[in-house]
């Protein structure tokens, strides 16, 4: 009878260990899911916005350069015409 009680207690402990391992696995899966959700909802849109702003800044910079070059060419042509 004592041995049976001990076996029952050991089996209960084994069940608890298995349950705890499953809980840990589920928690890890939930962490992974939340990380992917965060990346999809926050990080990727933020990266896309940063890229968009960089491209807009680059386009504005190129536009200013082209306008300055055009103005310089206009001044040069007017100078040659006089």
PDB file of N, CA and C in Angstrom:
ATOM      1  N   UNK A   1       0.830  -1.187   0.000  1.00  0.00           N
ATOM      2  CA  UNK A   1       0.000   0.000   0.000  1.00  0.00           C
ATOM      3  C   UNK A   1       0.870   1.244   0.000  1.00  0.00           C
ATOM      4  N   UNK A   2       1.933   1.266   0.789  1.00  0.00           N
ATOM      5  CA  UNK A   2       2.816   2.430   0.844  1.00  0.00           C
ATOM      6  C   UNK A   2       3.498   2.654  -0.493  1.00  0.00           C
ATOM      7  N   UNK A   3       3.884   1.568  -1.134  1.00  0.00           N
ATOM      8  CA  UNK A   3       4.542   1.690  -2.429  1.00  0.00           C
ATOM      9  C   UNK A   3       3.567   2.242  -3.462  1.00  0.00           C
ATOM     10  N   UNK A   4       2.361   1.843  -3.422  1.00  0.00           N
ATOM     11  CA  UNK A   4       1.356   2.321  -4.351  1.00  0.00           C
ATOM     12  C   UNK A   4       1.128   3.814  -4.166  1.00  0.00           C
ATOM     13  N   UNK A   5       1.065   4.264  -2.938  1.00  0.00           N
ATOM     14  CA  UNK A   5       0.899   5.694  -2.683  1.00  0.00           C
ATOM     15  C   UNK A   5       2.099   6.470  -3.212  1.00  0.00           C
ATOM     16  N   UNK A   6       3.276   5.891  -3.035  1.00  0.00           N
ATOM     17  CA  UNK A   6       4.486   6.557  -3.530  1.00  0.00           C
ATOM     18  C   UNK A   6       4.451   6.625  -5.055  1.00  0.00           C
ATOM     19  N   UNK A   7       4.030   5.548  -5.691  1.00  0.00           N
ATOM     20  CA  UNK A   7       3.931   5.537  -7.152  1.00  0.00           C
ATOM     21  C   UNK A   7       2.906   6.563  -7.630  1.00  0.00           C
ATOM     22  N   UNK A   8       1.805   6.647  -6.911  1.00  0.00           N
ATOM     23  CA  UNK A   8       0.773   7.629  -7.269  1.00  0.00           C
ATOM     24  C   UNK A   8       1.334   9.043  -7.155  1.00  0.00           C
ATOM     25  N   UNK A   9       2.065   9.309  -6.104  1.00  0.00           N
ATOM     26  CA  UNK A   9       2.665  10.639  -5.928  1.00  0.00           C
ATOM     27  C   UNK A   9       3.683  10.934  -7.025  1.00  0.00           C
ATOM     28  N   UNK A  10       4.474   9.922  -7.379  1.00  0.00           N
ATOM     29  CA  UNK A  10       5.456  10.110  -8.456  1.00  0.00           C
ATOM     30  C   UNK A  10       4.759  10.395  -9.780  1.00  0.00           C
ATOM     31  N   UNK A  11       3.683   9.664 -10.041  1.00  0.00           N
ATOM     32  CA  UNK A  11       2.931   9.889 -11.273  1.00  0.00           C
ATOM     33  C   UNK A  11       2.297  11.278 -11.283  1.00  0.00           C
ATOM     34  N   UNK A  12       1.799  11.712 -10.125  1.00  0.00           N
ATOM     35  CA  UNK A  12       1.244  13.066 -10.028  1.00  0.00           C
ATOM     36  C   UNK A  12       2.317  14.107 -10.332  1.00  0.00           C
ATOM     37  N   UNK A  13       3.499  13.878  -9.800  1.00  0.00           N
ATOM     38  CA  UNK A  13       4.601  14.811 -10.051  1.00  0.00           C
ATOM     39  C   UNK A  13       4.982  14.817 -11.531  1.00  0.00           C
ATOM     40  N   UNK A  14       4.990  13.633 -12.136  1.00  0.00           N
ATOM     41  CA  UNK A  14       5.307  13.555 -13.563  1.00  0.00           C
ATOM     42  C   UNK A  14       4.262  14.301 -14.385  1.00  0.00           C
ATOM     43  N   UNK A  15       3.008  14.154 -13.998  1.00  0.00           N
ATOM     44  CA  UNK A  15       1.933  14.869 -14.689  1.00  0.00           C
ATOM     45  C   UNK A  15       2.134  16.374 -14.535  1.00  0.00           C
ATOM     46  N   UNK A  16       2.477  16.814 -13.335  1.00  0.00           N
ATOM     47  CA  UNK A  16       2.717  18.240 -13.111  1.00  0.00           C
ATOM     48  C   UNK A  16       3.886  18.746 -13.949  1.00  0.00           C
ATOM     49  N   UNK A  17       4.936  17.936 -14.047  1.00  0.00           N
ATOM     50  CA  UNK A  17       6.097  18.330 -14.853  1.00  0.00           C
ATOM     51  C   UNK A  17       5.698  18.456 -16.318  1.00  0.00           C
ATOM     52  N   UNK A  18       4.936  17.498 -16.816  1.00  0.00           N
ATOM     53  CA  UNK A  18       4.486  17.537 -18.212  1.00  0.00           C
ATOM     54  C   UNK A  18       3.578  18.743 -18.438  1.00  0.00           C
ATOM     55  N   UNK A  19       2.655  18.988 -17.511  1.00  0.00           N
ATOM     56  CA  UNK A  19       1.765  20.146 -17.644  1.00  0.00           C
ATOM     57  C   UNK A  19       2.559  21.445 -17.652  1.00  0.00           C
ATOM     58  N   UNK A  20       3.543  21.538 -16.780  1.00  0.00           N
ATOM     59  CA  UNK A  20       4.363  22.757 -16.721  1.00  0.00           C
ATOM     60  C   UNK A  20       5.154  22.932 -18.011  1.00  0.00           C
ATOM     61  N   UNK A  21       5.688  21.840 -18.538  1.00  0.00           N
ATOM     62  CA  UNK A  21       6.434  21.918 -19.798  1.00  0.00           C
ATOM     63  C   UNK A  21       5.516  22.388 -20.925  1.00  0.00           C
ATOM     64  N   UNK A  22       4.284  21.907 -20.938  1.00  0.00           N
ATOM     65  CA  UNK A  22       3.326  22.336 -21.960  1.00  0.00           C
ATOM     66  C   UNK A  22       2.970  23.809 -21.788  1.00  0.00           C
ATOM     67  N   UNK A  23       2.827  24.255 -20.544  1.00  0.00           N
ATOM     68  CA  UNK A  23       2.545  25.672 -20.298  1.00  0.00           C
ATOM     69  C   UNK A  23       3.689  26.544 -20.802  1.00  0.00           C
ATOM     70  N   UNK A  24       4.907  26.107 -20.544  1.00  0.00           N
ATOM     71  CA  UNK A  24       6.076  26.864 -21.008  1.00  0.00           C
ATOM     72  C   UNK A  24       6.094  26.916 -22.524  1.00  0.00           C
ATOM     73  N   UNK A  25       5.811  25.789 -23.164  1.00  0.00           N
ATOM     74  CA  UNK A  25       5.792  25.743 -24.621  1.00  0.00           C
ATOM     75  C   UNK A  25       4.716  26.687 -25.173  1.00  0.00           C
ATOM     76  N   UNK A  26       3.540  26.678 -24.561  1.00  0.00           N
ATOM     77  CA  UNK A  26       2.468  27.572 -25.004  1.00  0.00           C
ATOM     78  C   UNK A  26       2.857  29.038 -24.806  1.00  0.00           C
ATOM     79  N   UNK A  27       3.507  29.339 -23.694  1.00  0.00           N
ATOM     80  CA  UNK A  27       3.945  30.714 -23.446  1.00  0.00           C
ATOM     81  C   UNK A  27       4.974  31.147 -24.491  1.00  0.00           C
ATOM     82  N   UNK A  28       5.885  30.251 -24.839  1.00  0.00           N
ATOM     83  CA  UNK A  28       6.885  30.577 -25.857  1.00  0.00           C
ATOM     84  C   UNK A  28       6.225  30.817 -27.213  1.00  0.00           C
ATOM     85  N   UNK A  29       5.225  29.994 -27.537  1.00  0.00           N
ATOM     86  CA  UNK A  29       4.502  30.188 -28.795  1.00  0.00           C
ATOM     87  C   UNK A  29       3.750  31.516 -28.789  1.00  0.00           C
ATOM     88  N   UNK A  30       3.180  31.880 -27.665  1.00  0.00           N
ATOM     89  CA  UNK A  30       2.461  33.155 -27.557  1.00  0.00           C
ATOM     90  C   UNK A  30       3.428  34.328 -27.696  1.00  0.00           C
ATOM     91  N   UNK A  31       4.608  34.201 -27.112  1.00  0.00           N
ATOM     92  CA  UNK A  31       5.623  35.252 -27.251  1.00  0.00           C
ATOM     93  C   UNK A  31       6.003  35.412 -28.716  1.00  0.00           C
ATOM     94  N   UNK A  32       6.235  34.306 -29.398  1.00  0.00           N
ATOM     95  CA  UNK A  32       6.581  34.354 -30.819  1.00  0.00           C
ATOM     96  C   UNK A  32       5.456  34.996 -31.624  1.00  0.00           C
ATOM     97  N   UNK A  33       4.218  34.630 -31.308  1.00  0.00           N
ATOM     98  CA  UNK A  33       3.071  35.204 -32.024  1.00  0.00           C
ATOM     99  C   UNK A  33       2.996  36.712 -31.805  1.00  0.00           C
ATOM    100  N   UNK A  34       3.192  37.142 -30.561  1.00  0.00           N
ATOM    101  CA  UNK A  34       3.128  38.578 -30.267  1.00  0.00           C
ATOM    102  C   UNK A  34       4.270  39.335 -30.939  1.00  0.00           C
ATOM    103  N   UNK A  35       5.451  38.724 -31.007  1.00  0.00           N
ATOM    104  CA  UNK A  35       6.569  39.365 -31.696  1.00  0.00           C
ATOM    105  C   UNK A  35       6.246  39.555 -33.178  1.00  0.00           C
ATOM    106  N   UNK A  36       5.667  38.533 -33.792  1.00  0.00           N
ATOM    107  CA  UNK A  36       5.300  38.633 -35.211  1.00  0.00           C
ATOM    108  C   UNK A  36       4.208  39.677 -35.413  1.00  0.00           C
ATOM    109  N   UNK A  37       3.257  39.722 -34.484  1.00  0.00           N
ATOM    110  CA  UNK A  37       2.190  40.718 -34.565  1.00  0.00           C
ATOM    111  C   UNK A  37       2.766  42.128 -34.436  1.00  0.00           C
ATOM    112  N   UNK A  38       3.684  42.302 -33.493  1.00  0.00           N
ATOM    113  CA  UNK A  38       4.329  43.600 -33.311  1.00  0.00           C
ATOM    114  C   UNK A  38       5.076  44.004 -34.577  1.00  0.00           C
ATOM    115  N   UNK A  39       5.793  43.060 -35.146  1.00  0.00           N
ATOM    116  CA  UNK A  39       6.543  43.361 -36.371  1.00  0.00           C
ATOM    117  C   UNK A  39       5.601  43.760 -37.497  1.00  0.00           C
ATOM    118  N   UNK A  40       4.500  43.030 -37.626  1.00  0.00           N
ATOM    119  CA  UNK A  40       3.561  43.312 -38.708  1.00  0.00           C
ATOM    120  C   UNK A  40       2.826  44.632 -38.507  1.00  0.00           C
ATOM    121  N   UNK A  41       2.454  44.945 -37.273  1.00  0.00           N
ATOM    122  CA  UNK A  41       1.628  46.129 -37.023  1.00  0.00           C
ATOM    123  C   UNK A  41       2.433  47.390 -36.768  1.00  0.00           C
ATOM    124  N   UNK A  42       3.652  47.261 -36.258  1.00  0.00           N
ATOM    125  CA  UNK A  42       4.403  48.446 -35.852  1.00  0.00           C
ATOM    126  C   UNK A  42       5.700  48.594 -36.630  1.00  0.00           C
ATOM    127  N   UNK A  43       6.523  47.576 -36.597  1.00  0.00           N
ATOM    128  CA  UNK A  43       7.871  47.715 -37.143  1.00  0.00           C
ATOM    129  C   UNK A  43       7.875  47.858 -38.667  1.00  0.00           C
ATOM    130  N   UNK A  44       7.149  47.001 -39.369  1.00  0.00           N
ATOM    131  CA  UNK A  44       7.155  47.090 -40.833  1.00  0.00           C
ATOM    132  C   UNK A  44       6.545  48.397 -41.321  1.00  0.00           C
ATOM    133  N   UNK A  45       5.396  48.822 -40.778  1.00  0.00           N
ATOM    134  CA  UNK A  45       4.881  50.129 -41.197  1.00  0.00           C
ATOM    135  C   UNK A  45       5.852  51.266 -40.876  1.00  0.00           C
ATOM    136  N   UNK A  46       6.536  51.176 -39.736  1.00  0.00           N
ATOM    137  CA  UNK A  46       7.503  52.222 -39.381  1.00  0.00           C
ATOM    138  C   UNK A  46       8.663  52.215 -40.365  1.00  0.00           C
ATOM    139  N   UNK A  47       9.124  51.027 -40.743  1.00  0.00           N
ATOM    140  CA  UNK A  47      10.191  50.932 -41.741  1.00  0.00           C
ATOM    141  C   UNK A  47       9.726  51.496 -43.082  1.00  0.00           C
ATOM    142  N   UNK A  48       8.491  51.192 -43.450  1.00  0.00           N
ATOM    143  CA  UNK A  48       7.957  51.694 -44.713  1.00  0.00           C
ATOM    144  C   UNK A  48       7.857  53.218 -44.686  1.00  0.00           C
ATOM    145  N   UNK A  49       7.427  53.764 -43.565  1.00  0.00           N
ATOM    146  CA  UNK A  49       7.318  55.224 -43.442  1.00  0.00           C
ATOM    147  C   UNK A  49       8.700  55.874 -43.492  1.00  0.00           C
ATOM    148  N   UNK A  50       9.669  55.263 -42.832  1.00  0.00           N
ATOM    149  CA  UNK A  50      11.039  55.792 -42.857  1.00  0.00           C
ATOM    150  C   UNK A  50      11.568  55.783 -44.296  1.00  0.00           C
ATOM    151  N   UNK A  51      11.340  54.689 -45.011  1.00  0.00           N
ATOM    152  CA  UNK A  51      11.779  54.585 -46.402  1.00  0.00           C
ATOM    153  C   UNK A  51      11.103  55.662 -47.256  1.00  0.00           C
ATOM    154  N   UNK A  52       9.796  55.846 -47.044  1.00  0.00           N
ATOM    155  CA  UNK A  52       9.054  56.851 -47.815  1.00  0.00           C
ATOM    156  C   UNK A  52       9.621  58.246 -47.561  1.00  0.00           C
ATOM    157  N   UNK A  53       9.889  58.559 -46.290  1.00  0.00           N
ATOM    158  CA  UNK A  53      10.428  59.878 -45.954  1.00  0.00           C
ATOM    159  C   UNK A  53      11.832  60.071 -46.519  1.00  0.00           C
ATOM    160  N   UNK A  54      12.638  59.011 -46.495  1.00  0.00           N
ATOM    161  CA  UNK A  54      13.982  59.106 -47.079  1.00  0.00           C
ATOM    162  C   UNK A  54      13.892  59.391 -48.576  1.00  0.00           C
ATOM    163  N   UNK A  55      12.987  58.714 -49.265  1.00  0.00           N
ATOM    164  CA  UNK A  55      12.837  58.918 -50.711  1.00  0.00           C
ATOM    165  C   UNK A  55      12.318  60.323 -51.009  1.00  0.00           C
ATOM    166  N   UNK A  56      11.389  60.813 -50.193  1.00  0.00           N
ATOM    167  CA  UNK A  56      10.902  62.182 -50.389  1.00  0.00           C
ATOM    168  C   UNK A  56      12.024  63.197 -50.183  1.00  0.00           C
ATOM    169  N   UNK A  57      12.833  62.991 -49.159  1.00  0.00           N
ATOM    170  CA  UNK A  57      13.949  63.901 -48.894  1.00  0.00           C
ATOM    171  C   UNK A  57      14.955  63.856 -50.034  1.00  0.00           C
ATOM    172  N   UNK A  58      15.229  62.668 -50.536  1.00  0.00           N
ATOM    173  CA  UNK A  58      16.166  62.526 -51.661  1.00  0.00           C
ATOM    174  C   UNK A  58      15.611  63.221 -52.905  1.00  0.00           C
ATOM    175  N   UNK A  59      14.323  63.053 -53.165  1.00  0.00           N
ATOM    176  CA  UNK A  59      13.707  63.695 -54.324  1.00  0.00           C
ATOM    177  C   UNK A  59      13.765  65.214 -54.189  1.00  0.00           C
ATOM    178  N   UNK A  60      13.500  65.722 -52.999  1.00  0.00           N
ATOM    179  CA  UNK A  60      13.560  67.170 -52.780  1.00  0.00           C
ATOM    180  C   UNK A  60      14.985  67.686 -52.977  1.00  0.00           C
ATOM    181  N   UNK A  61      15.953  66.927 -52.469  1.00  0.00           N
ATOM    182  CA  UNK A  61      17.356  67.325 -52.622  1.00  0.00           C
ATOM    183  C   UNK A  61      17.732  67.372 -54.106  1.00  0.00           C
ATOM    184  N   UNK A  62      17.336  66.349 -54.855  1.00  0.00           N
ATOM    185  CA  UNK A  62      17.645  66.328 -56.289  1.00  0.00           C
ATOM    186  C   UNK A  62      16.939  67.463 -57.023  1.00  0.00           C
ATOM    187  N   UNK A  63      15.715  67.762 -56.622  1.00  0.00           N
ATOM    188  CA  UNK A  63      14.987  68.858 -57.252  1.00  0.00           C
ATOM    189  C   UNK A  63      15.710  70.184 -57.016  1.00  0.00           C
ATOM    190  N   UNK A  64      16.177  70.410 -55.798  1.00  0.00           N
ATOM    191  CA  UNK A  64      16.904  71.646 -55.495  1.00  0.00           C
ATOM    192  C   UNK A  64      18.195  71.738 -56.304  1.00  0.00           C
ATOM    193  N   UNK A  65      18.892  70.620 -56.428  1.00  0.00           N
ATOM    194  CA  UNK A  65      20.128  70.610 -57.221  1.00  0.00           C
ATOM    195  C   UNK A  65      19.821  70.937 -58.676  1.00  0.00           C
ATOM    196  N   UNK A  66      18.786  70.299 -59.219  1.00  0.00           N
ATOM    197  CA  UNK A  66      18.439  70.542 -60.624  1.00  0.00           C
ATOM    198  C   UNK A  66      17.999  71.987 -60.837  1.00  0.00           C
ATOM    199  N   UNK A  67      17.239  72.533 -59.901  1.00  0.00           N
ATOM    200  CA  UNK A  67      16.819  73.930 -60.027  1.00  0.00           C
ATOM    201  C   UNK A  67      18.025  74.864 -59.972  1.00  0.00           C
ATOM    202  N   UNK A  68      18.966  74.570 -59.078  1.00  0.00           N
ATOM    203  CA  UNK A  68      20.165  75.405 -58.977  1.00  0.00           C
ATOM    204  C   UNK A  68      20.997  75.303 -60.248  1.00  0.00           C
ATOM    205  N   UNK A  69      21.123  74.099 -60.795  1.00  0.00           N
ATOM    206  CA  UNK A  69      21.875  73.925 -62.039  1.00  0.00           C
ATOM    207  C   UNK A  69      21.187  74.652 -63.192  1.00  0.00           C
ATOM    208  N   UNK A  70      19.853  74.571 -63.233  1.00  0.00           N
ATOM    209  CA  UNK A  70      19.116  75.259 -64.293  1.00  0.00           C
ATOM    210  C   UNK A  70      19.282  76.770 -64.166  1.00  0.00           C
ATOM    211  N   UNK A  71      19.237  77.279 -62.949  1.00  0.00           N
ATOM    212  CA  UNK A  71      19.429  78.714 -62.728  1.00  0.00           C
ATOM    213  C   UNK A  71      20.835  79.135 -63.146  1.00  0.00           C
ATOM    214  N   UNK A  72      21.816  78.319 -62.789  1.00  0.00           N
ATOM    215  CA  UNK A  72      23.197  78.636 -63.169  1.00  0.00           C
ATOM    216  C   UNK A  72      23.350  78.630 -64.685  1.00  0.00           C
ATOM    217  N   UNK A  73      22.734  77.666 -65.341  1.00  0.00           N
ATOM    218  CA  UNK A  73      22.808  77.601 -66.806  1.00  0.00           C
ATOM    219  C   UNK A  73      22.107  78.812 -67.422  1.00  0.00           C
ATOM    220  N   UNK A  74      20.979  79.200 -66.853  1.00  0.00           N
ATOM    221  CA  UNK A  74      20.253  80.362 -67.353  1.00  0.00           C
ATOM    222  C   UNK A  74      21.108  81.621 -67.234  1.00  0.00           C
ATOM    223  N   UNK A  75      21.773  81.777 -66.091  1.00  0.00           N
ATOM    224  CA  UNK A  75      22.645  82.943 -65.894  1.00  0.00           C
ATOM    225  C   UNK A  75      23.799  82.907 -66.887  1.00  0.00           C
ATOM    226  N   UNK A  76      24.367  81.713 -67.110  1.00  0.00           N
ATOM    227  CA  UNK A  76      25.486  81.587 -68.046  1.00  0.00           C
ATOM    228  C   UNK A  76      25.042  81.947 -69.465  1.00  0.00           C
ATOM    229  N   UNK A  77      23.879  81.457 -69.868  1.00  0.00           N
ATOM    230  CA  UNK A  77      23.379  81.737 -71.219  1.00  0.00           C
ATOM    231  C   UNK A  77      23.100  83.225 -71.373  1.00  0.00           C
ATOM    232  N   UNK A  78      22.499  83.851 -70.363  1.00  0.00           N
ATOM    233  CA  UNK A  78      22.239  85.292 -70.433  1.00  0.00           C
ATOM    234  C   UNK A  78      23.550  86.074 -70.501  1.00  0.00           C
ATOM    235  N   UNK A  79      24.554  85.593 -69.775  1.00  0.00           N
ATOM    236  CA  UNK A  79      25.859  86.260 -69.803  1.00  0.00           C
ATOM    237  C   UNK A  79      26.503  86.155 -71.169  1.00  0.00           C
ATOM    238  N   UNK A  80      26.348  85.016 -71.834  1.00  0.00           N
ATOM    239  CA  UNK A  80      26.923  84.842 -73.169  1.00  0.00           C
ATOM    240  C   UNK A  80      26.162  85.661 -74.203  1.00  0.00           C
ATOM    241  N   UNK A  81      24.883  85.880 -73.973  1.00  0.00           N
ATOM    242  CA  UNK A  81      24.063  86.614 -74.931  1.00  0.00           C
ATOM    243  C   UNK A  81      24.360  88.100 -74.905  1.00  0.00           C
ATOM    244  N   UNK A  82      24.907  88.594 -73.827  1.00  0.00           N
ATOM    245  CA  UNK A  82      25.162  90.035 -73.755  1.00  0.00           C
ATOM    246  C   UNK A  82      26.502  90.408 -74.279  1.00  0.00           C
TER     247      UNK A  82
END
